[in-house]
Amino acid sequence: MNIAVLGSGNIGTLISAQLSLNDKVNLYSRKPEKFNSLITVFDEDTNTEYQSKINMVSDI
């Protein structure tokens, strides 16, 4: 499934990382230069860190 997330604040970034584990995610941000294709997330509940691959980060 293709998913678009608008906004790259804390919530938008976390949602993008979670959804990209199983789906193709495009993240739209006002500052795409601050991102690369890998997002690292630390889960405090399970005390684990994981990385997920974002298909595209863009401001268009």
PDB file of N, CA and C in Angstrom:
ATOM      1  N   MET A   1       0.835  -1.159   0.000  1.00  0.00           N
ATOM      2  CA  MET A   1       0.000   0.000   0.000  1.00  0.00           C
ATOM      3  C   MET A   1       0.893   1.239   0.000  1.00  0.00           C
ATOM      4  N   ASN A   2       0.492   2.274  -0.711  1.00  0.00           N
ATOM      5  CA  ASN A   2       1.190   3.559  -0.728  1.00  0.00           C
ATOM      6  C   ASN A   2       0.516   4.502   0.261  1.00  0.00           C
ATOM      7  N   ILE A   3       1.322   5.110   1.132  1.00  0.00           N
ATOM      8  CA  ILE A   3       0.797   6.003   2.165  1.00  0.00           C
ATOM      9  C   ILE A   3       1.554   7.319   2.107  1.00  0.00           C
ATOM     10  N   ALA A   4       0.838   8.434   2.258  1.00  0.00           N
ATOM     11  CA  ALA A   4       1.456   9.758   2.340  1.00  0.00           C
ATOM     12  C   ALA A   4       1.197  10.314   3.726  1.00  0.00           C
ATOM     13  N   VAL A   5       2.252  10.822   4.363  1.00  0.00           N
ATOM     14  CA  VAL A   5       2.131  11.467   5.663  1.00  0.00           C
ATOM     15  C   VAL A   5       2.500  12.930   5.470  1.00  0.00           C
ATOM     16  N   LEU A   6       1.602  13.824   5.856  1.00  0.00           N
ATOM     17  CA  LEU A   6       1.834  15.253   5.725  1.00  0.00           C
ATOM     18  C   LEU A   6       2.263  15.804   7.076  1.00  0.00           C
ATOM     19  N   GLY A   7       3.475  16.315   7.117  1.00  0.00           N
ATOM     20  CA  GLY A   7       4.008  16.870   8.355  1.00  0.00           C
ATOM     21  C   GLY A   7       5.068  15.964   8.944  1.00  0.00           C
ATOM     22  N   SER A   8       6.185  16.569   9.338  1.00  0.00           N
ATOM     23  CA  SER A   8       7.309  15.771   9.827  1.00  0.00           C
ATOM     24  C   SER A   8       7.719  16.158  11.249  1.00  0.00           C
ATOM     25  N   GLY A   9       6.722  16.551  12.043  1.00  0.00           N
ATOM     26  CA  GLY A   9       6.989  16.788  13.456  1.00  0.00           C
ATOM     27  C   GLY A   9       7.162  15.454  14.172  1.00  0.00           C
ATOM     28  N   ASN A  10       7.101  15.480  15.484  1.00  0.00           N
ATOM     29  CA  ASN A  10       7.284  14.244  16.254  1.00  0.00           C
ATOM     30  C   ASN A  10       6.284  13.164  15.863  1.00  0.00           C
ATOM     31  N   ILE A  11       5.031  13.532  15.759  1.00  0.00           N
ATOM     32  CA  ILE A  11       3.995  12.541  15.462  1.00  0.00           C
ATOM     33  C   ILE A  11       4.083  12.065  14.015  1.00  0.00           C
ATOM     34  N   GLY A  12       4.259  12.979  13.068  1.00  0.00           N
ATOM     35  CA  GLY A  12       4.361  12.592  11.664  1.00  0.00           C
ATOM     36  C   GLY A  12       5.545  11.683  11.390  1.00  0.00           C
ATOM     37  N   THR A  13       6.673  11.979  12.035  1.00  0.00           N
ATOM     38  CA  THR A  13       7.865  11.152  11.857  1.00  0.00           C
ATOM     39  C   THR A  13       7.664   9.766  12.452  1.00  0.00           C
ATOM     40  N   LEU A  14       7.076   9.693  13.640  1.00  0.00           N
ATOM     41  CA  LEU A  14       6.828   8.401  14.280  1.00  0.00           C
ATOM     42  C   LEU A  14       5.838   7.564  13.475  1.00  0.00           C
ATOM     43  N   ILE A  15       4.767   8.193  13.008  1.00  0.00           N
ATOM     44  CA  ILE A  15       3.785   7.474  12.186  1.00  0.00           C
ATOM     45  C   ILE A  15       4.436   6.963  10.903  1.00  0.00           C
ATOM     46  N   SER A  16       5.254   7.788  10.273  1.00  0.00           N
ATOM     47  CA  SER A  16       5.947   7.374   9.046  1.00  0.00           C
ATOM     48  C   SER A  16       6.836   6.167   9.299  1.00  0.00           C
ATOM     49  N   ALA A  17       7.568   6.203  10.390  1.00  0.00           N
ATOM     50  CA  ALA A  17       8.465   5.091  10.711  1.00  0.00           C
ATOM     51  C   ALA A  17       7.681   3.806  10.965  1.00  0.00           C
ATOM     52  N   GLN A  18       6.602   3.903  11.717  1.00  0.00           N
ATOM     53  CA  GLN A  18       5.798   2.716  12.022  1.00  0.00           C
ATOM     54  C   GLN A  18       5.166   2.138  10.758  1.00  0.00           C
ATOM     55  N   LEU A  19       4.557   3.004   9.953  1.00  0.00           N
ATOM     56  CA  LEU A  19       3.865   2.528   8.756  1.00  0.00           C
ATOM     57  C   LEU A  19       4.827   1.977   7.708  1.00  0.00           C
ATOM     58  N   SER A  20       6.040   2.511   7.653  1.00  0.00           N
ATOM     59  CA  SER A  20       6.980   2.065   6.622  1.00  0.00           C
ATOM     60  C   SER A  20       7.557   0.685   6.904  1.00  0.00           C
ATOM     61  N   LEU A  21       7.275   0.131   8.071  1.00  0.00           N
ATOM     62  CA  LEU A  21       7.717  -1.236   8.340  1.00  0.00           C
ATOM     63  C   LEU A  21       6.999  -2.234   7.430  1.00  0.00           C
ATOM     64  N   ASN A  22       5.764  -1.897   7.015  1.00  0.00           N
ATOM     65  CA  ASN A  22       4.974  -2.814   6.187  1.00  0.00           C
ATOM     66  C   ASN A  22       4.497  -2.217   4.873  1.00  0.00           C
ATOM     67  N   ASP A  23       4.588  -0.898   4.722  1.00  0.00           N
ATOM     68  CA  ASP A  23       4.044  -0.239   3.540  1.00  0.00           C
ATOM     69  C   ASP A  23       5.038   0.774   2.970  1.00  0.00           C
ATOM     70  N   LYS A  24       4.742   1.268   1.787  1.00  0.00           N
ATOM     71  CA  LYS A  24       5.554   2.285   1.122  1.00  0.00           C
ATOM     72  C   LYS A  24       5.062   3.666   1.576  1.00  0.00           C
ATOM     73  N   VAL A  25       5.941   4.439   2.239  1.00  0.00           N
ATOM     74  CA  VAL A  25       5.534   5.712   2.830  1.00  0.00           C
ATOM     75  C   VAL A  25       6.292   6.877   2.200  1.00  0.00           C
ATOM     76  N   ASN A  26       5.542   7.921   1.831  1.00  0.00           N
ATOM     77  CA  ASN A  26       6.104   9.188   1.376  1.00  0.00           C
ATOM     78  C   ASN A  26       5.824  10.218   2.460  1.00  0.00           C
ATOM     79  N   LEU A  27       6.865  10.898   2.918  1.00  0.00           N
ATOM     80  CA  LEU A  27       6.751  11.893   3.978  1.00  0.00           C
ATOM     81  C   LEU A  27       6.913  13.281   3.371  1.00  0.00           C
ATOM     82  N   TYR A  28       5.970  14.157   3.641  1.00  0.00           N
ATOM     83  CA  TYR A  28       6.024  15.520   3.127  1.00  0.00           C
ATOM     84  C   TYR A  28       6.341  16.479   4.273  1.00  0.00           C
ATOM     85  N   SER A  29       7.396  17.267   4.076  1.00  0.00           N
ATOM     86  CA  SER A  29       7.922  18.139   5.118  1.00  0.00           C
ATOM     87  C   SER A  29       8.278  19.501   4.537  1.00  0.00           C
ATOM     88  N   ARG A  30       8.238  20.540   5.370  1.00  0.00           N
ATOM     89  CA  ARG A  30       8.693  21.857   4.919  1.00  0.00           C
ATOM     90  C   ARG A  30      10.212  21.891   4.814  1.00  0.00           C
ATOM     91  N   LYS A  31      10.882  20.988   5.527  1.00  0.00           N
ATOM     92  CA  LYS A  31      12.351  20.951   5.532  1.00  0.00           C
ATOM     93  C   LYS A  31      12.850  19.534   5.218  1.00  0.00           C
ATOM     94  N   PRO A  32      12.675  19.080   3.980  1.00  0.00           N
ATOM     95  CA  PRO A  32      13.064  17.716   3.640  1.00  0.00           C
ATOM     96  C   PRO A  32      14.568  17.472   3.734  1.00  0.00           C
ATOM     97  N   GLU A  33      15.382  18.542   3.677  1.00  0.00           N
ATOM     98  CA  GLU A  33      16.831  18.381   3.749  1.00  0.00           C
ATOM     99  C   GLU A  33      17.291  17.868   5.117  1.00  0.00           C
ATOM    100  N   LYS A  34      16.421  17.917   6.116  1.00  0.00           N
ATOM    101  CA  LYS A  34      16.771  17.427   7.452  1.00  0.00           C
ATOM    102  C   LYS A  34      16.624  15.908   7.574  1.00  0.00           C
ATOM    103  N   PHE A  35      16.103  15.267   6.539  1.00  0.00           N
ATOM    104  CA  PHE A  35      15.824  13.832   6.587  1.00  0.00           C
ATOM    105  C   PHE A  35      16.645  13.081   5.549  1.00  0.00           C
ATOM    106  N   ASN A  36      16.844  11.809   5.815  1.00  0.00           N
ATOM    107  CA  ASN A  36      17.335  10.895   4.793  1.00  0.00           C
ATOM    108  C   ASN A  36      16.327   9.752   4.719  1.00  0.00           C
ATOM    109  N   SER A  37      16.632   8.710   4.008  1.00  0.00           N
ATOM    110  CA  SER A  37      15.634   7.661   3.802  1.00  0.00           C
ATOM    111  C   SER A  37      15.467   6.737   5.007  1.00  0.00           C
ATOM    112  N   LEU A  38      16.367   6.799   5.983  1.00  0.00           N
ATOM    113  CA  LEU A  38      16.240   5.970   7.182  1.00  0.00           C
ATOM    114  C   LEU A  38      15.830   6.821   8.376  1.00  0.00           C
ATOM    115  N   ILE A  39      14.819   6.353   9.094  1.00  0.00           N
ATOM    116  CA  ILE A  39      14.394   7.013  10.323  1.00  0.00           C
ATOM    117  C   ILE A  39      14.622   6.042  11.468  1.00  0.00           C
ATOM    118  N   THR A  40      15.290   6.516  12.512  1.00  0.00           N
ATOM    119  CA  THR A  40      15.549   5.699  13.687  1.00  0.00           C
ATOM    120  C   THR A  40      14.570   6.102  14.784  1.00  0.00           C
ATOM    121  N   VAL A  41      13.927   5.094  15.383  1.00  0.00           N
ATOM    122  CA  VAL A  41      12.937   5.326  16.431  1.00  0.00           C
ATOM    123  C   VAL A  41      13.329   4.513  17.658  1.00  0.00           C
ATOM    124  N   PHE A  42      13.215   5.130  18.837  1.00  0.00           N
ATOM    125  CA  PHE A  42      13.452   4.422  20.094  1.00  0.00           C
ATOM    126  C   PHE A  42      12.117   4.227  20.789  1.00  0.00           C
ATOM    127  N   ASP A  43      11.754   2.964  21.053  1.00  0.00           N
ATOM    128  CA  ASP A  43      10.508   2.627  21.725  1.00  0.00           C
ATOM    129  C   ASP A  43      10.783   2.490  23.213  1.00  0.00           C
ATOM    130  N   GLU A  44      10.319   3.457  24.006  1.00  0.00           N
ATOM    131  CA  GLU A  44      10.581   3.435  25.445  1.00  0.00           C
ATOM    132  C   GLU A  44       9.841   2.314  26.160  1.00  0.00           C
ATOM    133  N   ASP A  45       8.707   1.872  25.619  1.00  0.00           N
ATOM    134  CA  ASP A  45       7.946   0.799  26.259  1.00  0.00           C
ATOM    135  C   ASP A  45       8.703  -0.521  26.241  1.00  0.00           C
ATOM    136  N   THR A  46       9.335  -0.835  25.114  1.00  0.00           N
ATOM    137  CA  THR A  46      10.068  -2.102  24.994  1.00  0.00           C
ATOM    138  C   THR A  46      11.573  -1.921  25.099  1.00  0.00           C
ATOM    139  N   ASN A  47      12.007  -0.659  25.249  1.00  0.00           N
ATOM    140  CA  ASN A  47      13.436  -0.332  25.367  1.00  0.00           C
ATOM    141  C   ASN A  47      14.235  -0.842  24.167  1.00  0.00           C
ATOM    142  N   THR A  48      13.662  -0.657  22.973  1.00  0.00           N
ATOM    143  CA  THR A  48      14.324  -1.091  21.747  1.00  0.00           C
ATOM    144  C   THR A  48      14.393   0.053  20.744  1.00  0.00           C
ATOM    145  N   GLU A  49      15.365  -0.029  19.877  1.00  0.00           N
ATOM    146  CA  GLU A  49      15.542   0.952  18.812  1.00  0.00           C
ATOM    147  C   GLU A  49      15.422   0.230  17.481  1.00  0.00           C
ATOM    148  N   TYR A  50      14.739   0.840  16.535  1.00  0.00           N
ATOM    149  CA  TYR A  50      14.635   0.243  15.207  1.00  0.00           C
ATOM    150  C   TYR A  50      14.729   1.331  14.150  1.00  0.00           C
ATOM    151  N   GLN A  51      15.075   0.903  12.949  1.00  0.00           N
ATOM    152  CA  GLN A  51      15.153   1.801  11.804  1.00  0.00           C
ATOM    153  C   GLN A  51      14.155   1.352  10.752  1.00  0.00           C
ATOM    154  N   SER A  52      13.589   2.315  10.072  1.00  0.00           N
ATOM    155  CA  SER A  52      12.698   1.997   8.962  1.00  0.00           C
ATOM    156  C   SER A  52      13.043   2.890   7.782  1.00  0.00           C
ATOM    157  N   LYS A  53      12.759   2.384   6.600  1.00  0.00           N
ATOM    158  CA  LYS A  53      13.122   3.086   5.363  1.00  0.00           C
ATOM    159  C   LYS A  53      11.906   3.807   4.799  1.00  0.00           C
ATOM    160  N   ILE A  54      12.060   5.109   4.603  1.00  0.00           N
ATOM    161  CA  ILE A  54      11.018   5.937   4.011  1.00  0.00           C
ATOM    162  C   ILE A  54      11.256   5.977   2.500  1.00  0.00           C
ATOM    163  N   ASN A  55      10.203   5.803   1.726  1.00  0.00           N
ATOM    164  CA  ASN A  55      10.331   5.798   0.275  1.00  0.00           C
ATOM    165  C   ASN A  55      10.826   7.141  -0.256  1.00  0.00           C
ATOM    166  N   MET A  56      10.211   8.248   0.235  1.00  0.00           N
ATOM    167  CA  MET A  56      10.556   9.574  -0.279  1.00  0.00           C
ATOM    168  C   MET A  56      10.231  10.623   0.770  1.00  0.00           C
ATOM    169  N   VAL A  57      11.108  11.631   0.879  1.00  0.00           N
ATOM    170  CA  VAL A  57      10.841  12.813   1.707  1.00  0.00           C
ATOM    171  C   VAL A  57      10.893  14.006   0.772  1.00  0.00           C
ATOM    172  N   SER A  58       9.821  14.804   0.771  1.00  0.00           N
ATOM    173  CA  SER A  58       9.723  15.901  -0.201  1.00  0.00           C
ATOM    174  C   SER A  58       8.957  17.074   0.395  1.00  0.00           C
ATOM    175  N   ASP A  59       9.121  18.239  -0.233  1.00  0.00           N
ATOM    176  CA  ASP A  59       8.329  19.395   0.147  1.00  0.00           C
ATOM    177  C   ASP A  59       7.327  19.779  -0.935  1.00  0.00           C
ATOM    178  N   ILE A  60       7.201  18.967  -1.953  1.00  0.00           N
ATOM    179  CA  ILE A  60       6.281  19.246  -3.061  1.00  0.00           C
ATOM    180  C   ILE A  60       4.991  18.474  -2.862  1.00  0.00           C
TER     181      ILE A  60
END
